[in-house]
Amino acid sequence: MTTRDTTGDDGETFEQNRHDQLTTAPEATEADADPRIEVTEHDGNTRIDIAPDADVRPGPGPGMPEADGE
């Protein structure tokens, strides 16, 4: 997985800022900051995939009629 090593004005990296933003809500947990995507690069092409174990995924959730094909 590729991570951004961009450092902001506050001296923190993109990943540190992302973690801080996702865990500052009153009932947030460390799991809220878990990576949800995987970024890979092959032969100059960048591929972005949803992590297979991501708790939050795009589209309808399990049990929704759209997800079940009904």
N, C-alpha and C. Protein backbone atom coordinates (compact mmCIF):
# COMPACT_ATOMS: atom_id res chain seq x y z
N MET A 1 0.85 -1.17 0.00
CA MET A 1 0.00 0.00 0.00
C MET A 1 0.89 1.23 0.00
N THR A 2 0.52 2.19 -0.78
CA THR A 2 1.25 3.44 -0.85
C THR A 2 0.63 4.43 0.13
N THR A 3 1.46 5.14 0.87
CA THR A 3 0.95 6.18 1.77
C THR A 3 1.49 7.51 1.32
N ARG A 4 0.77 8.54 1.61
CA ARG A 4 1.23 9.88 1.28
C ARG A 4 2.19 10.34 2.35
N ASP A 5 3.31 10.89 1.94
CA ASP A 5 4.26 11.42 2.91
C ASP A 5 4.30 12.93 2.86
N THR A 6 3.20 13.53 2.44
CA THR A 6 3.10 14.97 2.39
C THR A 6 3.01 15.50 3.82
N THR A 7 3.81 16.47 4.12
CA THR A 7 3.79 17.07 5.45
C THR A 7 3.10 18.43 5.36
N GLY A 8 2.12 18.64 6.22
CA GLY A 8 1.37 19.89 6.22
C GLY A 8 2.08 20.98 6.99
N ASP A 9 1.44 22.13 7.08
CA ASP A 9 2.01 23.28 7.79
C ASP A 9 2.24 22.98 9.26
N ASP A 10 1.44 22.05 9.81
CA ASP A 10 1.58 21.74 11.23
C ASP A 10 2.67 20.70 11.50
N GLY A 11 3.35 20.23 10.45
CA GLY A 11 4.43 19.27 10.62
C GLY A 11 3.96 17.83 10.63
N GLU A 12 2.66 17.61 10.56
CA GLU A 12 2.13 16.25 10.56
C GLU A 12 1.95 15.74 9.14
N THR A 13 2.09 14.45 8.97
CA THR A 13 1.90 13.84 7.66
C THR A 13 0.41 13.72 7.35
N PHE A 14 0.12 13.41 6.10
CA PHE A 14 -1.26 13.19 5.68
C PHE A 14 -1.91 12.11 6.55
N GLU A 15 -1.21 11.01 6.79
CA GLU A 15 -1.77 9.91 7.58
C GLU A 15 -2.03 10.33 9.02
N GLN A 16 -1.16 11.12 9.60
CA GLN A 16 -1.38 11.60 10.97
C GLN A 16 -2.59 12.52 11.04
N ASN A 17 -2.71 13.42 10.08
CA ASN A 17 -3.87 14.32 10.05
C ASN A 17 -5.16 13.53 9.83
N ARG A 18 -5.13 12.54 8.93
CA ARG A 18 -6.31 11.71 8.66
C ARG A 18 -6.73 10.99 9.94
N HIS A 19 -5.77 10.40 10.65
CA HIS A 19 -6.06 9.69 11.89
C HIS A 19 -6.70 10.64 12.91
N ASP A 20 -6.11 11.82 13.07
CA ASP A 20 -6.64 12.80 14.03
C ASP A 20 -8.07 13.19 13.69
N GLN A 21 -8.34 13.43 12.40
CA GLN A 21 -9.68 13.83 11.99
C GLN A 21 -10.71 12.73 12.23
N LEU A 22 -10.32 11.49 11.98
CA LEU A 22 -11.28 10.38 12.09
C LEU A 22 -11.47 9.86 13.51
N THR A 23 -10.64 10.31 14.44
CA THR A 23 -10.78 9.83 15.82
C THR A 23 -11.14 10.92 16.81
N THR A 24 -11.47 12.13 16.34
CA THR A 24 -11.79 13.20 17.28
C THR A 24 -13.27 13.28 17.65
N ALA A 25 -14.13 12.59 16.94
CA ALA A 25 -15.56 12.61 17.28
C ALA A 25 -15.75 12.01 18.68
N PRO A 26 -16.79 12.43 19.40
CA PRO A 26 -16.98 11.97 20.78
C PRO A 26 -16.98 10.45 20.95
N GLU A 27 -17.56 9.69 20.05
CA GLU A 27 -17.63 8.24 20.22
C GLU A 27 -16.75 7.49 19.22
N ALA A 28 -15.75 8.17 18.66
CA ALA A 28 -14.87 7.55 17.68
C ALA A 28 -13.96 6.52 18.34
N THR A 29 -13.56 5.53 17.56
CA THR A 29 -12.61 4.52 18.03
C THR A 29 -11.42 4.47 17.08
N GLU A 30 -10.39 3.76 17.46
CA GLU A 30 -9.21 3.61 16.60
C GLU A 30 -9.59 2.93 15.28
N ALA A 31 -10.59 2.06 15.31
CA ALA A 31 -11.02 1.36 14.09
C ALA A 31 -11.55 2.33 13.04
N ASP A 32 -12.06 3.48 13.47
CA ASP A 32 -12.55 4.48 12.52
C ASP A 32 -11.45 4.99 11.61
N ALA A 33 -10.21 4.91 12.05
CA ALA A 33 -9.08 5.41 11.27
C ALA A 33 -8.40 4.31 10.45
N ASP A 34 -8.93 3.09 10.50
CA ASP A 34 -8.34 2.01 9.71
C ASP A 34 -8.41 2.34 8.23
N PRO A 35 -7.39 1.92 7.47
CA PRO A 35 -7.40 2.17 6.03
C PRO A 35 -8.60 1.50 5.37
N ARG A 36 -9.19 2.18 4.40
CA ARG A 36 -10.36 1.64 3.70
C ARG A 36 -10.06 1.36 2.24
N ILE A 37 -8.90 1.80 1.77
CA ILE A 37 -8.52 1.56 0.38
C ILE A 37 -7.11 1.00 0.31
N GLU A 38 -6.82 0.34 -0.80
CA GLU A 38 -5.47 -0.13 -1.08
C GLU A 38 -5.05 0.51 -2.40
N VAL A 39 -3.89 1.15 -2.42
CA VAL A 39 -3.39 1.80 -3.62
C VAL A 39 -2.13 1.06 -4.06
N THR A 40 -2.14 0.61 -5.31
CA THR A 40 -0.96 -0.06 -5.86
C THR A 40 -0.60 0.60 -7.19
N GLU A 41 0.67 0.50 -7.53
CA GLU A 41 1.13 1.05 -8.80
C GLU A 41 1.88 -0.04 -9.56
N HIS A 42 1.53 -0.22 -10.83
CA HIS A 42 2.17 -1.21 -11.70
C HIS A 42 2.39 -0.58 -13.06
N ASP A 43 3.61 -0.59 -13.52
CA ASP A 43 3.96 -0.09 -14.85
C ASP A 43 3.41 1.31 -15.11
N GLY A 44 3.46 2.18 -14.11
CA GLY A 44 3.00 3.55 -14.28
C GLY A 44 1.51 3.74 -14.11
N ASN A 45 0.77 2.66 -13.85
CA ASN A 45 -0.68 2.75 -13.63
C ASN A 45 -0.98 2.64 -12.14
N THR A 46 -1.88 3.48 -11.67
CA THR A 46 -2.28 3.45 -10.27
C THR A 46 -3.64 2.79 -10.16
N ARG A 47 -3.75 1.82 -9.25
CA ARG A 47 -5.02 1.12 -9.03
C ARG A 47 -5.45 1.38 -7.59
N ILE A 48 -6.72 1.73 -7.42
CA ILE A 48 -7.28 1.98 -6.10
C ILE A 48 -8.42 0.97 -5.88
N ASP A 49 -8.29 0.15 -4.85
CA ASP A 49 -9.30 -0.85 -4.52
C ASP A 49 -9.80 -0.63 -3.10
N ILE A 50 -11.06 -1.01 -2.87
CA ILE A 50 -11.61 -1.00 -1.51
C ILE A 50 -10.96 -2.15 -0.75
N ALA A 51 -10.45 -1.89 0.43
CA ALA A 51 -9.82 -2.94 1.23
C ALA A 51 -10.85 -4.03 1.52
N PRO A 52 -10.48 -5.29 1.39
CA PRO A 52 -11.44 -6.38 1.59
C PRO A 52 -12.02 -6.42 3.01
N ASP A 53 -11.28 -5.91 3.98
CA ASP A 53 -11.76 -5.94 5.36
C ASP A 53 -12.28 -4.59 5.84
N ALA A 54 -12.52 -3.67 4.92
CA ALA A 54 -13.01 -2.33 5.29
C ALA A 54 -14.42 -2.43 5.87
N ASP A 55 -14.62 -1.80 7.02
CA ASP A 55 -15.94 -1.80 7.65
C ASP A 55 -16.92 -0.94 6.88
N VAL A 56 -16.42 0.11 6.26
CA VAL A 56 -17.26 1.03 5.51
C VAL A 56 -16.96 0.84 4.04
N ARG A 57 -18.00 0.53 3.25
CA ARG A 57 -17.81 0.26 1.83
C ARG A 57 -18.83 1.07 1.04
N PRO A 58 -18.50 1.42 -0.19
CA PRO A 58 -19.47 2.15 -1.01
C PRO A 58 -20.60 1.24 -1.45
N GLY A 59 -21.72 1.83 -1.76
CA GLY A 59 -22.86 1.06 -2.27
C GLY A 59 -23.78 0.59 -1.17
N PRO A 60 -24.83 -0.15 -1.55
CA PRO A 60 -25.80 -0.62 -0.57
C PRO A 60 -25.18 -1.66 0.36
N GLY A 61 -25.62 -1.67 1.59
CA GLY A 61 -25.09 -2.59 2.58
C GLY A 61 -25.78 -3.94 2.53
N PRO A 62 -25.24 -4.92 3.26
CA PRO A 62 -25.85 -6.24 3.31
C PRO A 62 -27.29 -6.16 3.79
N GLY A 63 -28.15 -6.94 3.16
CA GLY A 63 -29.56 -6.94 3.54
C GLY A 63 -30.40 -5.92 2.78
N MET A 64 -29.75 -5.00 2.09
CA MET A 64 -30.47 -4.02 1.29
C MET A 64 -30.93 -4.69 0.00
N PRO A 65 -32.13 -4.41 -0.47
CA PRO A 65 -32.61 -5.07 -1.69
C PRO A 65 -31.67 -4.88 -2.87
N GLU A 66 -31.03 -3.70 -2.99
CA GLU A 66 -30.12 -3.47 -4.10
C GLU A 66 -28.91 -4.38 -4.03
N ALA A 67 -28.46 -4.71 -2.82
CA ALA A 67 -27.28 -5.56 -2.66
C ALA A 67 -27.63 -7.02 -2.93
N ASP A 68 -28.86 -7.40 -2.65
CA ASP A 68 -29.26 -8.80 -2.81
C ASP A 68 -29.75 -9.11 -4.22
N GLY A 69 -29.81 -8.11 -5.07
CA GLY A 69 -30.27 -8.33 -6.45
C GLY A 69 -31.76 -8.50 -6.58
N GLU A 70 -32.51 -8.12 -5.57
CA GLU A 70 -33.98 -8.27 -5.61
C GLU A 70 -34.62 -7.07 -6.25
